[in-house]
Amino acid sequence: MYYNISQIRKILKNYLDTVRYEHSLSVSFMCIALAMKYEVDIEKAELAGLLHDCAKHYDTETIKNKCIKNNMNINEYELENLELLHAKLGAFMAVNEFNIQDIEIINAILHHTTGKAEMSRLEQIVYVADYIEPRRDKAKRLPELRKLAFENLDLVTAYIMNDTLKYLEDKNIRLDIKTRKAYEYYMNIVRLEK
């Protein structure tokens, strides 16, 4: 597999605003580091991290309309939380605009917002990297989670999901069933590992 990552960066730099572009680069670099630690294909990790927010240059209404136009299923939870749809459109764009054919990369982009039960290592890496990348500063426990990401990927995934669910509950945002199932799955893995 070979992709012209420099060319993809140039395209993204034109697509995304400066803050989102810098975030995408930072997630990509974090994905590379985690891929080295967990022996995941580095190029796949870099690409998935780089492209995870490629649809974020559109506003949420445009993203929704593009998903509808391209016959993507939108569930009730996504309609209530349109900001989640950028992952679906991003996966679509990865295939159709960036010619990414690798299903692992596509799935990592697709699941980076909500997670899912039984994520591949690449999916977990993108999910975790998006949360802990160095430019993030609002989430609680970031220093602890950043350290833990390089010690136990399943445990940090469970902790991030736990923190996300608490945040959503505090904001009175209804929980996505997929995220709830993912949380339960990873908490069960963590219990079994002890």
N, C-alpha and C. Protein backbone atom coordinates (compact mmCIF):
# COMPACT_ATOMS: atom_id res chain seq x y z
N MET A 1 0.85 -1.18 0.00
CA MET A 1 0.00 0.00 0.00
C MET A 1 0.88 1.23 0.00
N TYR A 2 0.59 2.16 -0.88
CA TYR A 2 1.31 3.43 -0.89
C TYR A 2 0.33 4.55 -1.21
N TYR A 3 0.31 5.54 -0.37
CA TYR A 3 -0.50 6.73 -0.60
C TYR A 3 0.42 7.93 -0.52
N ASN A 4 0.15 8.93 -1.30
CA ASN A 4 0.95 10.14 -1.28
C ASN A 4 0.45 11.02 -0.13
N ILE A 5 1.03 10.78 1.04
CA ILE A 5 0.59 11.47 2.25
C ILE A 5 0.84 12.97 2.15
N SER A 6 1.95 13.37 1.53
CA SER A 6 2.24 14.80 1.37
C SER A 6 1.15 15.48 0.54
N GLN A 7 0.69 14.80 -0.50
CA GLN A 7 -0.37 15.36 -1.34
C GLN A 7 -1.69 15.46 -0.56
N ILE A 8 -1.99 14.45 0.23
CA ILE A 8 -3.21 14.47 1.04
C ILE A 8 -3.14 15.62 2.05
N ARG A 9 -1.97 15.84 2.65
CA ARG A 9 -1.81 16.96 3.58
C ARG A 9 -2.10 18.29 2.88
N LYS A 10 -1.58 18.46 1.66
CA LYS A 10 -1.79 19.71 0.92
C LYS A 10 -3.28 19.94 0.66
N ILE A 11 -3.97 18.88 0.26
CA ILE A 11 -5.41 18.99 0.00
C ILE A 11 -6.15 19.37 1.29
N LEU A 12 -5.81 18.69 2.39
CA LEU A 12 -6.47 18.97 3.66
C LEU A 12 -6.19 20.39 4.14
N LYS A 13 -5.00 20.86 3.90
CA LYS A 13 -4.65 22.23 4.31
C LYS A 13 -5.55 23.25 3.61
N ASN A 14 -5.94 22.94 2.38
CA ASN A 14 -6.86 23.82 1.65
C ASN A 14 -8.32 23.63 2.08
N TYR A 15 -8.66 22.41 2.52
CA TYR A 15 -10.03 22.10 2.95
C TYR A 15 -10.36 22.70 4.32
N LEU A 16 -9.47 22.46 5.26
CA LEU A 16 -9.76 22.69 6.67
C LEU A 16 -9.27 24.06 7.14
N ASP A 17 -9.93 24.60 8.16
CA ASP A 17 -9.38 25.82 8.75
C ASP A 17 -8.10 25.45 9.50
N THR A 18 -7.33 26.45 9.88
CA THR A 18 -6.00 26.23 10.47
C THR A 18 -6.07 25.37 11.72
N VAL A 19 -7.00 25.65 12.61
CA VAL A 19 -7.11 24.90 13.87
C VAL A 19 -7.43 23.44 13.59
N ARG A 20 -8.38 23.17 12.70
CA ARG A 20 -8.76 21.78 12.39
C ARG A 20 -7.62 21.06 11.67
N TYR A 21 -6.93 21.76 10.79
CA TYR A 21 -5.80 21.15 10.08
C TYR A 21 -4.69 20.78 11.08
N GLU A 22 -4.37 21.69 11.99
CA GLU A 22 -3.35 21.40 13.00
C GLU A 22 -3.78 20.23 13.89
N HIS A 23 -5.06 20.19 14.24
CA HIS A 23 -5.59 19.07 15.02
C HIS A 23 -5.40 17.76 14.24
N SER A 24 -5.72 17.75 12.97
CA SER A 24 -5.59 16.54 12.15
C SER A 24 -4.15 16.07 12.08
N LEU A 25 -3.22 17.01 11.93
CA LEU A 25 -1.80 16.65 11.93
C LEU A 25 -1.40 16.06 13.28
N SER A 26 -1.85 16.69 14.34
CA SER A 26 -1.51 16.24 15.68
C SER A 26 -2.06 14.84 15.96
N VAL A 27 -3.30 14.60 15.55
CA VAL A 27 -3.89 13.26 15.71
C VAL A 27 -3.09 12.25 14.88
N SER A 28 -2.72 12.64 13.68
CA SER A 28 -1.95 11.76 12.82
C SER A 28 -0.62 11.36 13.46
N PHE A 29 0.07 12.34 14.02
CA PHE A 29 1.36 12.04 14.67
C PHE A 29 1.16 11.17 15.91
N MET A 30 0.10 11.43 16.65
CA MET A 30 -0.20 10.59 17.81
C MET A 30 -0.53 9.16 17.37
N CYS A 31 -1.25 9.04 16.26
CA CYS A 31 -1.56 7.70 15.71
C CYS A 31 -0.27 6.96 15.34
N ILE A 32 0.67 7.67 14.75
CA ILE A 32 1.95 7.05 14.39
C ILE A 32 2.64 6.50 15.64
N ALA A 33 2.70 7.31 16.69
CA ALA A 33 3.37 6.88 17.93
C ALA A 33 2.68 5.66 18.54
N LEU A 34 1.34 5.70 18.59
CA LEU A 34 0.60 4.56 19.14
C LEU A 34 0.74 3.33 18.26
N ALA A 35 0.77 3.53 16.95
CA ALA A 35 0.95 2.39 16.03
C ALA A 35 2.30 1.72 16.26
N MET A 36 3.32 2.52 16.51
CA MET A 36 4.64 1.93 16.81
C MET A 36 4.57 1.10 18.09
N LYS A 37 3.93 1.63 19.09
CA LYS A 37 3.83 0.94 20.38
C LYS A 37 3.06 -0.37 20.24
N TYR A 38 1.94 -0.36 19.51
CA TYR A 38 1.06 -1.53 19.45
C TYR A 38 1.23 -2.34 18.17
N GLU A 39 2.30 -2.07 17.42
CA GLU A 39 2.66 -2.84 16.23
C GLU A 39 1.53 -2.89 15.19
N VAL A 40 1.00 -1.71 14.91
CA VAL A 40 -0.02 -1.53 13.88
C VAL A 40 0.65 -0.85 12.71
N ASP A 41 0.18 -1.10 11.50
CA ASP A 41 0.74 -0.50 10.30
C ASP A 41 0.80 1.03 10.45
N ILE A 42 2.01 1.58 10.39
CA ILE A 42 2.22 3.00 10.64
C ILE A 42 1.58 3.87 9.57
N GLU A 43 1.69 3.48 8.31
CA GLU A 43 1.10 4.28 7.24
C GLU A 43 -0.42 4.33 7.35
N LYS A 44 -1.03 3.20 7.67
CA LYS A 44 -2.49 3.19 7.87
C LYS A 44 -2.89 4.11 9.02
N ALA A 45 -2.13 4.04 10.11
CA ALA A 45 -2.44 4.87 11.27
C ALA A 45 -2.28 6.35 10.92
N GLU A 46 -1.23 6.69 10.22
CA GLU A 46 -1.01 8.08 9.83
C GLU A 46 -2.15 8.59 8.96
N LEU A 47 -2.53 7.80 7.96
CA LEU A 47 -3.61 8.19 7.06
C LEU A 47 -4.95 8.33 7.78
N ALA A 48 -5.28 7.36 8.61
CA ALA A 48 -6.55 7.42 9.33
C ALA A 48 -6.59 8.64 10.24
N GLY A 49 -5.50 8.91 10.92
CA GLY A 49 -5.44 10.09 11.78
C GLY A 49 -5.54 11.38 11.00
N LEU A 50 -4.87 11.42 9.88
CA LEU A 50 -4.88 12.61 9.04
C LEU A 50 -6.28 12.89 8.48
N LEU A 51 -6.98 11.84 8.07
CA LEU A 51 -8.28 12.00 7.40
C LEU A 51 -9.49 11.93 8.32
N HIS A 52 -9.28 11.67 9.61
CA HIS A 52 -10.44 11.42 10.49
C HIS A 52 -11.44 12.57 10.50
N ASP A 53 -11.00 13.80 10.33
CA ASP A 53 -11.90 14.95 10.34
C ASP A 53 -11.98 15.64 8.98
N CYS A 54 -11.73 14.91 7.91
CA CYS A 54 -11.67 15.54 6.58
C CYS A 54 -12.99 16.18 6.16
N ALA A 55 -14.10 15.79 6.76
CA ALA A 55 -15.40 16.38 6.41
C ALA A 55 -15.75 17.58 7.28
N LYS A 56 -14.90 17.91 8.22
CA LYS A 56 -15.21 18.97 9.18
C LYS A 56 -15.19 20.37 8.58
N HIS A 57 -14.81 20.50 7.34
CA HIS A 57 -14.83 21.84 6.73
C HIS A 57 -16.25 22.25 6.34
N TYR A 58 -17.17 21.29 6.37
CA TYR A 58 -18.58 21.60 6.09
C TYR A 58 -19.31 21.87 7.40
N ASP A 59 -20.35 22.69 7.34
CA ASP A 59 -21.21 22.87 8.51
C ASP A 59 -22.09 21.63 8.65
N THR A 60 -22.72 21.48 9.83
CA THR A 60 -23.47 20.25 10.11
C THR A 60 -24.65 20.03 9.17
N GLU A 61 -25.30 21.08 8.76
CA GLU A 61 -26.45 20.94 7.85
C GLU A 61 -25.98 20.44 6.48
N THR A 62 -24.86 20.96 6.01
CA THR A 62 -24.30 20.50 4.73
C THR A 62 -23.88 19.04 4.83
N ILE A 63 -23.26 18.68 5.96
CA ILE A 63 -22.85 17.29 6.16
C ILE A 63 -24.07 16.38 6.11
N LYS A 64 -25.13 16.77 6.81
CA LYS A 64 -26.36 15.96 6.80
C LYS A 64 -26.89 15.81 5.38
N ASN A 65 -26.95 16.91 4.65
CA ASN A 65 -27.47 16.87 3.28
C ASN A 65 -26.61 16.01 2.36
N LYS A 66 -25.30 16.06 2.54
CA LYS A 66 -24.41 15.23 1.73
C LYS A 66 -24.58 13.74 2.07
N CYS A 67 -24.80 13.45 3.34
CA CYS A 67 -25.05 12.06 3.74
C CYS A 67 -26.35 11.56 3.12
N ILE A 68 -27.39 12.38 3.15
CA ILE A 68 -28.67 12.00 2.55
C ILE A 68 -28.52 11.82 1.05
N LYS A 69 -27.86 12.78 0.41
CA LYS A 69 -27.67 12.72 -1.04
C LYS A 69 -26.93 11.45 -1.47
N ASN A 70 -26.01 10.99 -0.64
CA ASN A 70 -25.22 9.81 -0.97
C ASN A 70 -25.76 8.53 -0.33
N ASN A 71 -27.04 8.59 0.05
CA ASN A 71 -27.77 7.41 0.55
C ASN A 71 -27.14 6.74 1.77
N MET A 72 -26.59 7.55 2.66
CA MET A 72 -26.04 7.00 3.90
C MET A 72 -27.15 6.94 4.93
N ASN A 73 -27.21 5.85 5.65
CA ASN A 73 -28.20 5.72 6.71
C ASN A 73 -27.86 6.68 7.84
N ILE A 74 -28.85 7.43 8.28
CA ILE A 74 -28.69 8.32 9.42
C ILE A 74 -29.68 7.88 10.47
N ASN A 75 -29.16 7.51 11.64
CA ASN A 75 -30.08 7.06 12.69
C ASN A 75 -30.62 8.24 13.49
N GLU A 76 -31.56 7.96 14.34
CA GLU A 76 -32.24 8.99 15.13
C GLU A 76 -31.24 9.76 16.01
N TYR A 77 -30.30 9.03 16.60
CA TYR A 77 -29.31 9.67 17.47
C TYR A 77 -28.46 10.66 16.67
N GLU A 78 -28.06 10.27 15.47
CA GLU A 78 -27.25 11.16 14.62
C GLU A 78 -28.05 12.39 14.20
N LEU A 79 -29.34 12.22 13.96
CA LEU A 79 -30.17 13.38 13.62
C LEU A 79 -30.27 14.37 14.78
N GLU A 80 -30.22 13.85 16.01
CA GLU A 80 -30.24 14.71 17.19
C GLU A 80 -28.87 15.33 17.46
N ASN A 81 -27.82 14.70 16.96
CA ASN A 81 -26.44 15.13 17.20
C ASN A 81 -25.69 15.16 15.88
N LEU A 82 -26.04 16.12 15.05
CA LEU A 82 -25.52 16.18 13.68
C LEU A 82 -23.99 16.24 13.61
N GLU A 83 -23.34 16.72 14.67
CA GLU A 83 -21.88 16.82 14.64
C GLU A 83 -21.21 15.45 14.51
N LEU A 84 -21.94 14.39 14.84
CA LEU A 84 -21.39 13.03 14.70
C LEU A 84 -21.30 12.59 13.25
N LEU A 85 -22.10 13.17 12.38
CA LEU A 85 -22.15 12.72 10.99
C LEU A 85 -20.87 13.00 10.21
N HIS A 86 -20.00 13.86 10.73
CA HIS A 86 -18.76 14.12 10.00
C HIS A 86 -17.92 12.86 9.85
N ALA A 87 -18.07 11.90 10.77
CA ALA A 87 -17.33 10.65 10.67
C ALA A 87 -17.82 9.81 9.48
N LYS A 88 -19.13 9.75 9.32
CA LYS A 88 -19.71 9.02 8.18
C LYS A 88 -19.31 9.65 6.86
N LEU A 89 -19.48 10.97 6.78
CA LEU A 89 -19.12 11.65 5.55
C LEU A 89 -17.61 11.59 5.32
N GLY A 90 -16.84 11.65 6.39
CA GLY A 90 -15.39 11.56 6.27
C GLY A 90 -14.95 10.21 5.69
N ALA A 91 -15.57 9.14 6.14
CA ALA A 91 -15.26 7.81 5.60
C ALA A 91 -15.61 7.75 4.11
N PHE A 92 -16.76 8.33 3.77
CA PHE A 92 -17.19 8.39 2.36
C PHE A 92 -16.19 9.20 1.53
N MET A 93 -15.77 10.34 2.06
CA MET A 93 -14.81 11.18 1.35
C MET A 93 -13.45 10.49 1.21
N ALA A 94 -13.06 9.74 2.23
CA ALA A 94 -11.78 9.02 2.16
C ALA A 94 -11.76 8.11 0.94
N VAL A 95 -12.87 7.45 0.70
CA VAL A 95 -12.98 6.55 -0.44
C VAL A 95 -13.09 7.33 -1.75
N ASN A 96 -14.00 8.27 -1.79
CA ASN A 96 -14.37 8.91 -3.05
C ASN A 96 -13.53 10.11 -3.45
N GLU A 97 -12.89 10.77 -2.50
CA GLU A 97 -12.07 11.93 -2.84
C GLU A 97 -10.58 11.68 -2.66
N PHE A 98 -10.24 10.76 -1.74
CA PHE A 98 -8.82 10.48 -1.47
C PHE A 98 -8.40 9.10 -1.94
N ASN A 99 -9.34 8.37 -2.54
CA ASN A 99 -9.07 7.05 -3.11
C ASN A 99 -8.50 6.05 -2.10
N ILE A 100 -8.96 6.13 -0.87
CA ILE A 100 -8.56 5.17 0.16
C ILE A 100 -9.44 3.94 -0.02
N GLN A 101 -8.81 2.80 -0.25
CA GLN A 101 -9.56 1.57 -0.46
C GLN A 101 -9.42 0.59 0.70
N ASP A 102 -8.56 0.91 1.64
CA ASP A 102 -8.30 0.02 2.77
C ASP A 102 -9.44 0.12 3.79
N ILE A 103 -10.13 -0.99 4.01
CA ILE A 103 -11.30 -1.00 4.89
C ILE A 103 -10.94 -0.67 6.33
N GLU A 104 -9.74 -1.02 6.76
CA GLU A 104 -9.33 -0.69 8.13
C GLU A 104 -9.24 0.82 8.34
N ILE A 105 -8.69 1.51 7.37
CA ILE A 105 -8.58 2.97 7.46
C ILE A 105 -9.97 3.59 7.43
N ILE A 106 -10.79 3.12 6.52
CA ILE A 106 -12.15 3.64 6.38
C ILE A 106 -12.94 3.45 7.68
N ASN A 107 -12.85 2.26 8.26
CA ASN A 107 -13.56 1.99 9.52
C ASN A 107 -13.03 2.81 10.68
N ALA A 108 -11.72 3.06 10.70
CA ALA A 108 -11.14 3.88 11.76
C ALA A 108 -11.69 5.31 11.69
N ILE A 109 -11.86 5.82 10.49
CA ILE A 109 -12.46 7.15 10.32
C ILE A 109 -13.93 7.10 10.72
N LEU A 110 -14.63 6.08 10.27
CA LEU A 110 -16.06 5.95 10.52
C LEU A 110 -16.40 5.88 12.01
N HIS A 111 -15.57 5.24 12.81
CA HIS A 111 -15.90 4.99 14.22
C HIS A 111 -15.15 5.88 15.20
N HIS A 112 -14.47 6.92 14.72
CA HIS A 112 -13.64 7.71 15.64
C HIS A 112 -14.43 8.59 16.59
N THR A 113 -15.71 8.83 16.33
CA THR A 113 -16.48 9.70 17.23
C THR A 113 -17.20 8.91 18.32
N THR A 114 -17.85 7.84 17.96
CA THR A 114 -18.65 7.09 18.93
C THR A 114 -17.95 5.83 19.43
N GLY A 115 -16.94 5.38 18.71
CA GLY A 115 -16.36 4.09 19.03
C GLY A 115 -17.36 2.99 18.71
N LYS A 116 -16.97 1.77 19.01
CA LYS A 116 -17.86 0.62 18.86
C LYS A 116 -17.25 -0.54 19.62
N ALA A 117 -18.05 -1.54 19.90
CA ALA A 117 -17.52 -2.75 20.53
C ALA A 117 -16.59 -3.46 19.55
N GLU A 118 -15.59 -4.09 20.08
CA GLU A 118 -14.65 -4.89 19.28
C GLU A 118 -13.97 -4.09 18.17
N MET A 119 -13.48 -2.91 18.52
CA MET A 119 -12.72 -2.14 17.54
C MET A 119 -11.41 -2.83 17.22
N SER A 120 -10.96 -2.66 16.00
CA SER A 120 -9.61 -3.13 15.65
C SER A 120 -8.61 -2.25 16.39
N ARG A 121 -7.37 -2.67 16.43
CA ARG A 121 -6.33 -1.84 17.06
C ARG A 121 -6.23 -0.49 16.37
N LEU A 122 -6.34 -0.47 15.05
CA LEU A 122 -6.28 0.80 14.32
C LEU A 122 -7.46 1.70 14.70
N GLU A 123 -8.64 1.13 14.78
CA GLU A 123 -9.81 1.92 15.19
C GLU A 123 -9.62 2.50 16.59
N GLN A 124 -9.11 1.68 17.50
CA GLN A 124 -8.84 2.15 18.86
C GLN A 124 -7.81 3.27 18.86
N ILE A 125 -6.77 3.10 18.09
CA ILE A 125 -5.70 4.10 18.05
C ILE A 125 -6.25 5.45 17.60
N VAL A 126 -7.05 5.48 16.56
CA VAL A 126 -7.60 6.75 16.07
C VAL A 126 -8.57 7.33 17.10
N TYR A 127 -9.41 6.48 17.69
CA TYR A 127 -10.35 6.92 18.72
C TYR A 127 -9.60 7.56 19.89
N VAL A 128 -8.56 6.90 20.37
CA VAL A 128 -7.79 7.40 21.51
C VAL A 128 -6.98 8.64 21.12
N ALA A 129 -6.31 8.59 19.98
CA ALA A 129 -5.46 9.72 19.55
C ALA A 129 -6.27 10.99 19.40
N ASP A 130 -7.49 10.89 18.90
CA ASP A 130 -8.35 12.06 18.74
C ASP A 130 -8.65 12.70 20.09
N TYR A 131 -8.73 11.91 21.11
CA TYR A 131 -9.06 12.40 22.46
C TYR A 131 -7.85 12.98 23.18
N ILE A 132 -6.68 12.36 23.00
CA ILE A 132 -5.52 12.73 23.82
C ILE A 132 -4.49 13.59 23.10
N GLU A 133 -4.71 13.91 21.84
CA GLU A 133 -3.67 14.63 21.10
C GLU A 133 -3.27 15.91 21.85
N PRO A 134 -2.02 16.32 21.68
CA PRO A 134 -1.45 17.39 22.51
C PRO A 134 -2.19 18.73 22.47
N ARG A 135 -2.93 19.03 21.44
CA ARG A 135 -3.63 20.31 21.37
C ARG A 135 -4.94 20.31 22.16
N ARG A 136 -5.37 19.14 22.58
CA ARG A 136 -6.58 19.06 23.41
C ARG A 136 -6.23 19.47 24.84
N ASP A 137 -7.16 20.19 25.47
CA ASP A 137 -6.87 20.60 26.84
C ASP A 137 -8.11 20.68 27.73
N LYS A 138 -9.25 20.35 27.21
CA LYS A 138 -10.49 20.53 27.98
C LYS A 138 -10.91 19.28 28.77
N ALA A 139 -10.54 18.12 28.32
CA ALA A 139 -10.98 16.90 28.99
C ALA A 139 -10.24 16.72 30.31
N LYS A 140 -10.93 16.14 31.26
CA LYS A 140 -10.31 15.85 32.56
C LYS A 140 -9.34 14.67 32.41
N ARG A 141 -8.41 14.60 33.28
CA ARG A 141 -7.47 13.47 33.39
C ARG A 141 -6.57 13.30 32.17
N LEU A 142 -6.38 14.31 31.36
CA LEU A 142 -5.58 14.13 30.14
C LEU A 142 -4.16 13.63 30.42
N PRO A 143 -3.43 14.18 31.37
CA PRO A 143 -2.07 13.65 31.60
C PRO A 143 -2.08 12.15 31.93
N GLU A 144 -3.03 11.73 32.76
CA GLU A 144 -3.15 10.31 33.12
C GLU A 144 -3.50 9.47 31.89
N LEU A 145 -4.45 9.94 31.09
CA LEU A 145 -4.89 9.18 29.92
C LEU A 145 -3.80 9.12 28.85
N ARG A 146 -3.05 10.19 28.69
CA ARG A 146 -1.95 10.19 27.72
C ARG A 146 -0.90 9.16 28.08
N LYS A 147 -0.57 9.09 29.35
CA LYS A 147 0.40 8.09 29.81
C LYS A 147 -0.16 6.68 29.63
N LEU A 148 -1.40 6.50 30.04
CA LEU A 148 -2.03 5.18 29.97
C LEU A 148 -2.17 4.68 28.54
N ALA A 149 -2.32 5.60 27.58
CA ALA A 149 -2.46 5.20 26.16
C ALA A 149 -1.27 4.38 25.69
N PHE A 150 -0.12 4.59 26.29
CA PHE A 150 1.08 3.85 25.90
C PHE A 150 1.36 2.66 26.81
N GLU A 151 0.42 2.39 27.72
CA GLU A 151 0.57 1.26 28.63
C GLU A 151 -0.49 0.19 28.40
N ASN A 152 -1.74 0.63 28.15
CA ASN A 152 -2.83 -0.34 28.01
C ASN A 152 -3.93 0.30 27.15
N LEU A 153 -3.98 -0.07 25.88
CA LEU A 153 -4.91 0.54 24.94
C LEU A 153 -6.37 0.23 25.28
N ASP A 154 -6.64 -0.98 25.74
CA ASP A 154 -8.02 -1.33 26.12
C ASP A 154 -8.48 -0.51 27.32
N LEU A 155 -7.62 -0.37 28.31
CA LEU A 155 -7.98 0.36 29.51
C LEU A 155 -8.20 1.85 29.21
N VAL A 156 -7.32 2.45 28.43
CA VAL A 156 -7.50 3.87 28.11
C VAL A 156 -8.76 4.08 27.26
N THR A 157 -9.06 3.12 26.39
CA THR A 157 -10.30 3.20 25.60
C THR A 157 -11.51 3.19 26.53
N ALA A 158 -11.51 2.29 27.50
CA ALA A 158 -12.61 2.21 28.47
C ALA A 158 -12.73 3.50 29.27
N TYR A 159 -11.61 4.05 29.72
CA TYR A 159 -11.63 5.29 30.51
C TYR A 159 -12.14 6.47 29.68
N ILE A 160 -11.70 6.56 28.44
CA ILE A 160 -12.17 7.65 27.58
C ILE A 160 -13.67 7.52 27.34
N MET A 161 -14.13 6.31 27.09
CA MET A 161 -15.57 6.10 26.91
C MET A 161 -16.34 6.45 28.18
N ASN A 162 -15.81 6.07 29.33
CA ASN A 162 -16.43 6.40 30.60
C ASN A 162 -16.53 7.92 30.77
N ASP A 163 -15.45 8.62 30.52
CA ASP A 163 -15.44 10.08 30.65
C ASP A 163 -16.40 10.74 29.66
N THR A 164 -16.45 10.19 28.45
CA THR A 164 -17.36 10.73 27.44
C THR A 164 -18.81 10.53 27.85
N LEU A 165 -19.14 9.35 28.35
CA LEU A 165 -20.51 9.09 28.79
C LEU A 165 -20.90 9.99 29.96
N LYS A 166 -19.98 10.20 30.89
CA LYS A 166 -20.26 11.10 32.02
C LYS A 166 -20.49 12.53 31.52
N TYR A 167 -19.68 12.96 30.58
CA TYR A 167 -19.83 14.29 30.01
C TYR A 167 -21.21 14.44 29.34
N LEU A 168 -21.60 13.45 28.54
CA LEU A 168 -22.89 13.50 27.87
C LEU A 168 -24.04 13.49 28.87
N GLU A 169 -23.93 12.67 29.90
CA GLU A 169 -24.97 12.63 30.93
C GLU A 169 -25.07 13.97 31.66
N ASP A 170 -23.93 14.57 31.99
CA ASP A 170 -23.93 15.87 32.66
C ASP A 170 -24.57 16.95 31.80
N LYS A 171 -24.44 16.82 30.49
CA LYS A 171 -25.01 17.80 29.57
C LYS A 171 -26.45 17.44 29.16
N ASN A 172 -26.98 16.34 29.75
CA ASN A 172 -28.32 15.86 29.41
C ASN A 172 -28.47 15.51 27.94
N ILE A 173 -27.42 14.95 27.37
CA ILE A 173 -27.45 14.51 25.98
C ILE A 173 -27.71 13.00 26.00
N ARG A 174 -28.72 12.59 25.28
CA ARG A 174 -29.07 11.17 25.21
C ARG A 174 -27.89 10.37 24.66
N LEU A 175 -27.67 9.20 25.21
CA LEU A 175 -26.52 8.39 24.83
C LEU A 175 -26.82 7.54 23.60
N ASP A 176 -25.84 7.44 22.74
CA ASP A 176 -25.91 6.58 21.57
C ASP A 176 -25.76 5.14 22.02
N ILE A 177 -26.63 4.26 21.57
CA ILE A 177 -26.59 2.86 21.98
C ILE A 177 -25.27 2.20 21.58
N LYS A 178 -24.71 2.62 20.44
CA LYS A 178 -23.44 2.05 19.99
C LYS A 178 -22.31 2.39 20.97
N THR A 179 -22.31 3.63 21.46
CA THR A 179 -21.29 4.04 22.42
C THR A 179 -21.48 3.32 23.74
N ARG A 180 -22.73 3.17 24.16
CA ARG A 180 -23.01 2.44 25.41
C ARG A 180 -22.53 1.00 25.31
N LYS A 181 -22.81 0.34 24.20
CA LYS A 181 -22.36 -1.05 24.01
C LYS A 181 -20.83 -1.12 23.95
N ALA A 182 -20.21 -0.15 23.32
CA ALA A 182 -18.75 -0.11 23.25
C ALA A 182 -18.16 0.05 24.65
N TYR A 183 -18.74 0.96 25.41
CA TYR A 183 -18.28 1.17 26.79
C TYR A 183 -18.39 -0.13 27.59
N GLU A 184 -19.53 -0.78 27.52
CA GLU A 184 -19.73 -2.03 28.26
C GLU A 184 -18.73 -3.10 27.81
N TYR A 185 -18.48 -3.17 26.52
CA TYR A 185 -17.53 -4.15 25.98
C TYR A 185 -16.13 -3.91 26.56
N TYR A 186 -15.66 -2.66 26.50
CA TYR A 186 -14.30 -2.38 26.97
C TYR A 186 -14.18 -2.45 28.49
N MET A 187 -15.22 -2.09 29.21
CA MET A 187 -15.17 -2.26 30.66
C MET A 187 -15.10 -3.74 31.02
N ASN A 188 -15.79 -4.58 30.26
CA ASN A 188 -15.73 -6.03 30.49
C ASN A 188 -14.33 -6.56 30.20
N ILE A 189 -13.70 -6.10 29.14
CA ILE A 189 -12.33 -6.52 28.82
C ILE A 189 -11.39 -6.13 29.95
N VAL A 190 -11.55 -4.91 30.46
CA VAL A 190 -10.69 -4.42 31.53
C VAL A 190 -10.86 -5.29 32.77
N ARG A 191 -12.11 -5.66 33.09
CA ARG A 191 -12.36 -6.55 34.24
C ARG A 191 -11.71 -7.90 34.04
N LEU A 192 -11.76 -8.44 32.82
CA LEU A 192 -11.18 -9.74 32.53
C LEU A 192 -9.66 -9.70 32.59
N GLU A 193 -9.07 -8.55 32.27
CA GLU A 193 -7.60 -8.43 32.27
C GLU A 193 -7.04 -8.38 33.69
N LYS A 194 -7.88 -7.99 34.65
CA LYS A 194 -7.39 -7.85 36.05
C LYS A 194 -7.15 -9.18 36.70
